N, C-alpha and C. Protein backbone atom coordinates (compact mmCIF):
# COMPACT_ATOMS: atom_id res chain seq x y z
N MET A 1 6.67 -15.33 -9.77
CA MET A 1 7.62 -15.05 -8.72
C MET A 1 6.84 -14.51 -7.51
N ARG A 2 7.13 -15.02 -6.36
CA ARG A 2 6.49 -14.56 -5.13
C ARG A 2 7.48 -13.72 -4.34
N ILE A 3 7.03 -12.57 -3.91
CA ILE A 3 7.84 -11.70 -3.05
C ILE A 3 7.24 -11.76 -1.66
N ASP A 4 8.03 -12.12 -0.68
CA ASP A 4 7.54 -12.24 0.69
C ASP A 4 7.69 -10.93 1.44
N ILE A 5 6.71 -10.66 2.28
CA ILE A 5 6.75 -9.48 3.14
C ILE A 5 7.72 -9.77 4.28
N PRO A 6 8.63 -8.86 4.58
CA PRO A 6 9.61 -9.13 5.63
C PRO A 6 8.98 -9.16 7.03
N ASP A 7 9.64 -9.89 7.92
CA ASP A 7 9.19 -9.93 9.31
C ASP A 7 9.41 -8.58 9.99
N GLU A 8 10.51 -7.91 9.64
CA GLU A 8 10.85 -6.62 10.25
C GLU A 8 10.16 -5.51 9.49
N LYS A 9 9.08 -5.00 10.09
CA LYS A 9 8.29 -3.93 9.48
C LYS A 9 7.51 -3.27 10.60
N LYS A 10 7.00 -2.07 10.33
CA LYS A 10 6.25 -1.33 11.33
C LYS A 10 4.83 -1.10 10.85
N LEU A 11 3.85 -1.53 11.65
CA LEU A 11 2.44 -1.29 11.34
C LEU A 11 2.14 0.19 11.53
N THR A 12 1.57 0.83 10.50
CA THR A 12 1.31 2.27 10.58
C THR A 12 -0.16 2.64 10.43
N LEU A 13 -0.96 1.74 9.86
CA LEU A 13 -2.37 2.08 9.66
C LEU A 13 -3.17 0.82 9.38
N GLU A 14 -4.39 0.80 9.89
CA GLU A 14 -5.36 -0.23 9.55
C GLU A 14 -6.62 0.49 9.09
N MET A 15 -7.27 -0.03 8.07
CA MET A 15 -8.53 0.55 7.61
C MET A 15 -9.39 -0.51 6.96
N VAL A 16 -10.69 -0.27 6.99
CA VAL A 16 -11.64 -1.18 6.35
C VAL A 16 -12.00 -0.60 4.98
N ILE A 17 -11.94 -1.47 3.98
CA ILE A 17 -12.27 -1.09 2.60
C ILE A 17 -13.40 -2.00 2.13
N PRO A 18 -14.52 -1.43 1.70
CA PRO A 18 -15.61 -2.29 1.23
C PRO A 18 -15.29 -2.90 -0.14
N ILE A 19 -15.70 -4.15 -0.31
CA ILE A 19 -15.64 -4.77 -1.63
C ILE A 19 -16.92 -4.35 -2.34
N ARG A 20 -16.78 -3.73 -3.50
CA ARG A 20 -17.94 -3.25 -4.26
C ARG A 20 -18.37 -4.28 -5.30
N TRP A 21 -19.64 -4.28 -5.63
CA TRP A 21 -20.17 -5.17 -6.66
C TRP A 21 -19.37 -5.02 -7.95
N GLY A 22 -19.06 -3.78 -8.30
CA GLY A 22 -18.35 -3.50 -9.54
C GLY A 22 -16.90 -3.92 -9.52
N ASP A 23 -16.38 -4.34 -8.38
CA ASP A 23 -15.00 -4.83 -8.31
C ASP A 23 -14.85 -6.23 -8.89
N MET A 24 -15.97 -6.92 -9.06
CA MET A 24 -15.91 -8.30 -9.55
C MET A 24 -15.84 -8.33 -11.07
N ASP A 25 -15.28 -9.42 -11.58
CA ASP A 25 -15.19 -9.58 -13.02
C ASP A 25 -16.10 -10.71 -13.48
N ALA A 26 -16.01 -11.08 -14.73
CA ALA A 26 -16.89 -12.11 -15.30
C ALA A 26 -16.70 -13.48 -14.66
N MET A 27 -15.60 -13.67 -13.97
CA MET A 27 -15.33 -14.95 -13.31
C MET A 27 -15.98 -15.02 -11.92
N GLY A 28 -16.61 -13.92 -11.47
CA GLY A 28 -17.31 -13.92 -10.20
C GLY A 28 -16.44 -13.67 -8.99
N HIS A 29 -15.24 -13.16 -9.22
CA HIS A 29 -14.39 -12.76 -8.09
C HIS A 29 -13.80 -11.39 -8.38
N VAL A 30 -13.21 -10.78 -7.35
CA VAL A 30 -12.61 -9.46 -7.52
C VAL A 30 -11.50 -9.56 -8.55
N ASN A 31 -11.54 -8.66 -9.53
CA ASN A 31 -10.54 -8.62 -10.58
C ASN A 31 -9.17 -8.32 -9.98
N ASN A 32 -8.13 -8.99 -10.49
CA ASN A 32 -6.78 -8.83 -9.95
C ASN A 32 -6.30 -7.38 -9.93
N THR A 33 -6.72 -6.59 -10.90
CA THR A 33 -6.26 -5.20 -10.93
C THR A 33 -6.77 -4.40 -9.74
N LEU A 34 -7.92 -4.81 -9.18
CA LEU A 34 -8.51 -4.08 -8.06
C LEU A 34 -7.71 -4.25 -6.78
N TYR A 35 -6.98 -5.34 -6.64
CA TYR A 35 -6.14 -5.53 -5.46
C TYR A 35 -5.13 -4.39 -5.37
N PHE A 36 -4.59 -4.00 -6.52
CA PHE A 36 -3.63 -2.90 -6.53
C PHE A 36 -4.31 -1.59 -6.14
N ARG A 37 -5.57 -1.42 -6.48
CA ARG A 37 -6.33 -0.24 -6.06
C ARG A 37 -6.51 -0.24 -4.54
N TYR A 38 -6.79 -1.41 -3.96
CA TYR A 38 -6.91 -1.51 -2.50
C TYR A 38 -5.58 -1.15 -1.84
N LEU A 39 -4.47 -1.65 -2.38
CA LEU A 39 -3.15 -1.32 -1.83
C LEU A 39 -2.90 0.18 -1.92
N GLU A 40 -3.25 0.77 -3.04
CA GLU A 40 -3.07 2.21 -3.24
C GLU A 40 -3.93 3.01 -2.26
N THR A 41 -5.15 2.55 -2.03
CA THR A 41 -6.07 3.28 -1.16
C THR A 41 -5.49 3.47 0.23
N ILE A 42 -4.98 2.41 0.84
CA ILE A 42 -4.45 2.54 2.19
C ILE A 42 -3.10 3.27 2.19
N ARG A 43 -2.28 3.06 1.15
CA ARG A 43 -0.99 3.75 1.07
C ARG A 43 -1.19 5.27 0.99
N ILE A 44 -2.14 5.72 0.17
CA ILE A 44 -2.42 7.15 0.04
C ILE A 44 -3.06 7.69 1.31
N GLN A 45 -3.94 6.90 1.93
CA GLN A 45 -4.56 7.35 3.19
C GLN A 45 -3.49 7.57 4.25
N TRP A 46 -2.51 6.67 4.31
CA TRP A 46 -1.41 6.80 5.27
C TRP A 46 -0.62 8.09 5.00
N LEU A 47 -0.26 8.33 3.75
CA LEU A 47 0.48 9.55 3.42
C LEU A 47 -0.32 10.80 3.76
N HIS A 48 -1.61 10.80 3.43
CA HIS A 48 -2.46 11.96 3.76
C HIS A 48 -2.54 12.18 5.26
N SER A 49 -2.61 11.08 6.03
CA SER A 49 -2.70 11.22 7.49
C SER A 49 -1.45 11.88 8.08
N LEU A 50 -0.34 11.80 7.36
CA LEU A 50 0.91 12.40 7.81
C LEU A 50 1.11 13.81 7.23
N GLY A 51 0.20 14.24 6.37
CA GLY A 51 0.37 15.52 5.70
C GLY A 51 1.32 15.42 4.53
N GLY A 52 1.50 14.21 3.99
CA GLY A 52 2.48 13.99 2.93
C GLY A 52 1.88 13.70 1.58
N ALA A 53 0.75 14.31 1.29
CA ALA A 53 0.14 14.09 -0.03
C ALA A 53 1.07 14.63 -1.12
N PRO A 54 1.09 13.99 -2.27
CA PRO A 54 1.95 14.47 -3.36
C PRO A 54 1.64 15.92 -3.72
N ASP A 55 2.68 16.69 -3.95
CA ASP A 55 2.55 18.09 -4.33
C ASP A 55 3.29 18.29 -5.66
N PRO A 56 2.55 18.40 -6.77
CA PRO A 56 3.20 18.49 -8.07
C PRO A 56 4.14 19.68 -8.21
N THR A 57 4.02 20.68 -7.34
CA THR A 57 4.92 21.85 -7.40
C THR A 57 6.06 21.72 -6.40
N GLY A 58 6.09 20.63 -5.65
CA GLY A 58 7.13 20.45 -4.63
C GLY A 58 7.68 19.03 -4.66
N GLU A 59 7.60 18.39 -3.48
CA GLU A 59 8.13 17.04 -3.34
C GLU A 59 7.01 16.05 -3.04
N GLY A 60 7.33 14.79 -3.25
CA GLY A 60 6.37 13.76 -2.92
C GLY A 60 6.81 12.39 -3.36
N PRO A 61 5.93 11.40 -3.16
CA PRO A 61 6.27 10.02 -3.45
C PRO A 61 5.99 9.62 -4.89
N VAL A 62 6.83 8.73 -5.39
CA VAL A 62 6.62 8.09 -6.68
C VAL A 62 6.86 6.60 -6.47
N ILE A 63 5.92 5.80 -6.92
CA ILE A 63 6.06 4.35 -6.82
C ILE A 63 6.95 3.87 -7.97
N VAL A 64 8.00 3.12 -7.62
CA VAL A 64 8.91 2.64 -8.66
C VAL A 64 8.74 1.16 -8.95
N ASN A 65 8.10 0.43 -8.04
CA ASN A 65 7.69 -0.94 -8.34
C ASN A 65 6.61 -1.34 -7.35
N THR A 66 5.85 -2.33 -7.71
CA THR A 66 4.78 -2.82 -6.85
C THR A 66 4.56 -4.30 -7.13
N PHE A 67 4.01 -4.99 -6.15
CA PHE A 67 3.72 -6.41 -6.32
C PHE A 67 2.51 -6.79 -5.49
N CYS A 68 1.90 -7.90 -5.84
CA CYS A 68 0.80 -8.46 -5.05
C CYS A 68 0.83 -9.97 -5.17
N ASN A 69 0.77 -10.64 -4.03
CA ASN A 69 0.62 -12.09 -3.97
C ASN A 69 -0.85 -12.37 -3.73
N PHE A 70 -1.49 -13.02 -4.69
CA PHE A 70 -2.90 -13.36 -4.60
C PHE A 70 -3.01 -14.71 -3.91
N ILE A 71 -3.53 -14.72 -2.70
CA ILE A 71 -3.54 -15.93 -1.88
C ILE A 71 -4.92 -16.60 -1.89
N LYS A 72 -5.96 -15.80 -1.76
CA LYS A 72 -7.32 -16.34 -1.71
C LYS A 72 -8.23 -15.39 -2.46
N GLN A 73 -9.14 -15.93 -3.28
CA GLN A 73 -10.04 -15.09 -4.05
C GLN A 73 -10.96 -14.29 -3.14
N LEU A 74 -11.26 -13.08 -3.59
CA LEU A 74 -12.22 -12.21 -2.89
C LEU A 74 -13.47 -12.07 -3.75
N ALA A 75 -14.61 -11.90 -3.08
CA ALA A 75 -15.86 -11.71 -3.81
C ALA A 75 -16.78 -10.80 -2.99
N TYR A 76 -17.69 -10.15 -3.68
CA TYR A 76 -18.72 -9.32 -3.08
C TYR A 76 -19.79 -10.26 -2.51
N PRO A 77 -20.44 -9.91 -1.41
CA PRO A 77 -20.25 -8.75 -0.56
C PRO A 77 -19.18 -9.01 0.49
N GLY A 78 -18.70 -7.97 1.10
CA GLY A 78 -17.74 -8.10 2.18
C GLY A 78 -16.92 -6.85 2.36
N ASP A 79 -16.18 -6.84 3.43
CA ASP A 79 -15.27 -5.74 3.75
C ASP A 79 -13.89 -6.32 3.97
N LEU A 80 -12.88 -5.54 3.59
CA LEU A 80 -11.49 -5.93 3.78
C LEU A 80 -10.88 -5.15 4.93
N LEU A 81 -10.08 -5.82 5.74
CA LEU A 81 -9.23 -5.14 6.70
C LEU A 81 -7.86 -5.05 6.04
N ALA A 82 -7.45 -3.83 5.72
CA ALA A 82 -6.15 -3.58 5.13
C ALA A 82 -5.21 -3.12 6.23
N LYS A 83 -4.03 -3.72 6.28
CA LYS A 83 -3.00 -3.34 7.25
C LYS A 83 -1.78 -2.85 6.48
N HIS A 84 -1.33 -1.65 6.82
CA HIS A 84 -0.23 -0.98 6.11
C HIS A 84 1.02 -0.97 6.98
N TYR A 85 2.13 -1.37 6.39
CA TYR A 85 3.41 -1.43 7.11
C TYR A 85 4.46 -0.66 6.31
N ILE A 86 5.49 -0.19 7.03
CA ILE A 86 6.64 0.43 6.37
C ILE A 86 7.91 -0.27 6.81
N ALA A 87 8.94 -0.20 5.95
CA ALA A 87 10.22 -0.84 6.25
C ALA A 87 11.29 -0.29 5.32
N ASN A 88 12.51 -0.63 5.63
CA ASN A 88 13.67 -0.40 4.75
C ASN A 88 13.88 1.06 4.33
N PRO A 89 13.90 1.99 5.28
CA PRO A 89 14.16 3.37 4.85
C PRO A 89 15.58 3.51 4.33
N GLY A 90 15.69 4.13 3.19
CA GLY A 90 17.00 4.44 2.62
C GLY A 90 17.18 5.95 2.60
N LYS A 91 18.14 6.41 1.84
CA LYS A 91 18.36 7.86 1.75
C LYS A 91 17.16 8.54 1.08
N THR A 92 16.68 7.96 -0.03
CA THR A 92 15.60 8.59 -0.80
C THR A 92 14.39 7.68 -0.99
N SER A 93 14.42 6.48 -0.44
CA SER A 93 13.34 5.53 -0.70
C SER A 93 12.94 4.75 0.55
N PHE A 94 11.81 4.08 0.46
CA PHE A 94 11.33 3.20 1.52
C PHE A 94 10.35 2.22 0.90
N ASP A 95 10.05 1.17 1.66
CA ASP A 95 9.10 0.17 1.19
C ASP A 95 7.83 0.22 2.02
N THR A 96 6.70 -0.04 1.37
CA THR A 96 5.43 -0.22 2.05
C THR A 96 4.94 -1.63 1.77
N PHE A 97 4.27 -2.21 2.74
CA PHE A 97 3.70 -3.54 2.60
C PHE A 97 2.28 -3.50 3.13
N ILE A 98 1.40 -4.26 2.50
CA ILE A 98 0.00 -4.27 2.88
C ILE A 98 -0.51 -5.70 2.86
N THR A 99 -1.30 -6.04 3.89
CA THR A 99 -2.01 -7.31 3.87
C THR A 99 -3.50 -7.01 3.80
N LEU A 100 -4.23 -7.89 3.14
CA LEU A 100 -5.68 -7.77 3.01
C LEU A 100 -6.33 -9.03 3.53
N GLU A 101 -7.28 -8.87 4.44
CA GLU A 101 -8.06 -9.99 4.94
C GLU A 101 -9.51 -9.57 5.02
N ARG A 102 -10.42 -10.50 4.87
CA ARG A 102 -11.85 -10.18 5.01
C ARG A 102 -12.14 -9.96 6.49
N THR A 103 -13.00 -8.99 6.80
CA THR A 103 -13.33 -8.73 8.20
C THR A 103 -14.11 -9.89 8.81
N ASP A 104 -14.78 -10.69 7.98
CA ASP A 104 -15.52 -11.84 8.51
C ASP A 104 -14.66 -13.10 8.60
N GLU A 105 -13.38 -12.98 8.26
CA GLU A 105 -12.42 -14.08 8.41
C GLU A 105 -11.12 -13.51 8.99
N PRO A 106 -11.17 -13.03 10.24
CA PRO A 106 -10.00 -12.39 10.84
C PRO A 106 -8.76 -13.29 10.81
N GLY A 107 -7.63 -12.69 10.44
CA GLY A 107 -6.36 -13.40 10.44
C GLY A 107 -6.08 -14.23 9.20
N VAL A 108 -7.05 -14.36 8.31
CA VAL A 108 -6.85 -15.12 7.07
C VAL A 108 -6.44 -14.13 5.97
N ILE A 109 -5.18 -14.13 5.63
CA ILE A 109 -4.67 -13.20 4.63
C ILE A 109 -5.10 -13.66 3.23
N CYS A 110 -5.78 -12.78 2.52
CA CYS A 110 -6.24 -13.07 1.16
C CYS A 110 -5.25 -12.57 0.11
N ALA A 111 -4.51 -11.53 0.45
CA ALA A 111 -3.51 -10.97 -0.46
C ALA A 111 -2.49 -10.20 0.36
N ALA A 112 -1.27 -10.16 -0.15
CA ALA A 112 -0.20 -9.41 0.49
C ALA A 112 0.62 -8.77 -0.61
N GLY A 113 0.85 -7.49 -0.47
CA GLY A 113 1.59 -6.79 -1.52
C GLY A 113 2.41 -5.65 -0.97
N GLY A 114 3.00 -4.91 -1.86
CA GLY A 114 3.82 -3.79 -1.43
C GLY A 114 4.32 -2.97 -2.60
N ALA A 115 5.11 -1.98 -2.23
CA ALA A 115 5.67 -1.07 -3.23
C ALA A 115 6.94 -0.43 -2.69
N THR A 116 7.83 -0.12 -3.60
CA THR A 116 8.99 0.71 -3.27
C THR A 116 8.67 2.12 -3.71
N THR A 117 8.89 3.06 -2.80
CA THR A 117 8.56 4.46 -3.04
C THR A 117 9.85 5.28 -3.01
N VAL A 118 10.01 6.16 -3.96
CA VAL A 118 11.13 7.10 -3.99
C VAL A 118 10.56 8.49 -3.80
N TRP A 119 11.19 9.28 -2.94
CA TRP A 119 10.79 10.66 -2.70
C TRP A 119 11.48 11.53 -3.73
N ILE A 120 10.70 12.34 -4.44
CA ILE A 120 11.30 13.14 -5.51
C ILE A 120 10.91 14.61 -5.40
N ASP A 121 11.71 15.43 -6.04
CA ASP A 121 11.38 16.83 -6.29
C ASP A 121 10.71 16.81 -7.66
N PHE A 122 9.39 17.05 -7.69
CA PHE A 122 8.64 16.91 -8.93
C PHE A 122 9.11 17.86 -10.03
N PRO A 123 9.28 19.17 -9.75
CA PRO A 123 9.72 20.06 -10.84
C PRO A 123 11.08 19.65 -11.43
N LYS A 124 12.01 19.17 -10.58
CA LYS A 124 13.33 18.78 -11.06
C LYS A 124 13.37 17.34 -11.56
N GLN A 125 12.33 16.56 -11.22
CA GLN A 125 12.28 15.14 -11.59
C GLN A 125 13.53 14.40 -11.12
N LYS A 126 13.91 14.69 -9.85
CA LYS A 126 15.09 14.05 -9.26
C LYS A 126 14.74 13.57 -7.86
N SER A 127 15.34 12.46 -7.46
CA SER A 127 15.12 11.98 -6.11
C SER A 127 15.81 12.91 -5.12
N VAL A 128 15.20 13.02 -3.95
CA VAL A 128 15.73 13.85 -2.87
C VAL A 128 15.63 13.04 -1.57
N PRO A 129 16.40 13.41 -0.55
CA PRO A 129 16.35 12.69 0.71
C PRO A 129 14.94 12.70 1.31
N LEU A 130 14.60 11.60 1.99
CA LEU A 130 13.31 11.54 2.68
C LEU A 130 13.23 12.69 3.67
N PRO A 131 12.08 13.37 3.75
CA PRO A 131 11.94 14.45 4.72
C PRO A 131 12.02 13.89 6.16
N ASP A 132 12.46 14.73 7.07
CA ASP A 132 12.63 14.31 8.47
C ASP A 132 11.33 13.79 9.07
N TRP A 133 10.18 14.45 8.75
CA TRP A 133 8.91 14.01 9.32
C TRP A 133 8.55 12.60 8.87
N LEU A 134 8.97 12.23 7.64
CA LEU A 134 8.71 10.89 7.14
C LEU A 134 9.68 9.89 7.74
N ARG A 135 10.94 10.28 7.78
CA ARG A 135 11.95 9.39 8.37
C ARG A 135 11.61 9.06 9.82
N ALA A 136 11.00 10.01 10.54
CA ALA A 136 10.63 9.79 11.94
C ALA A 136 9.59 8.66 12.09
N GLN A 137 8.85 8.38 11.05
CA GLN A 137 7.84 7.31 11.11
C GLN A 137 8.45 5.92 11.25
N PHE A 138 9.71 5.79 10.92
CA PHE A 138 10.36 4.48 10.95
C PHE A 138 10.94 4.14 12.32
N SER A 139 10.95 5.12 13.24
CA SER A 139 11.54 4.85 14.55
C SER A 139 10.50 4.42 15.56
């Protein structure tokens, strides 16, 4: 099943992520599980840049689903340009979307993925409304 990234989204961060030798598998390309690590890397960097790192004694994000469309194989050496987008703010959740392209092949998307995030009160293990500072990112 392929999940498409929506046209209506807001670009919030771009970063370069190096492809490491150890990211490759026996088939000579980046292992599929590593794509999810790349998606996580930029998603967490974005949250940290906002001061929204998870706080186990307070509130923070929990990923409730994630996906990745593998479009073109990646291999070492190289660098990825990861672009992070947000969309669909709800009362307690929002979506993130990420595209990955090699820096030496600008505009050629190698993978596109995303996640649905729910904001929770960790001690209570219950969803809570998105904080105002986070909701402001969608405007």
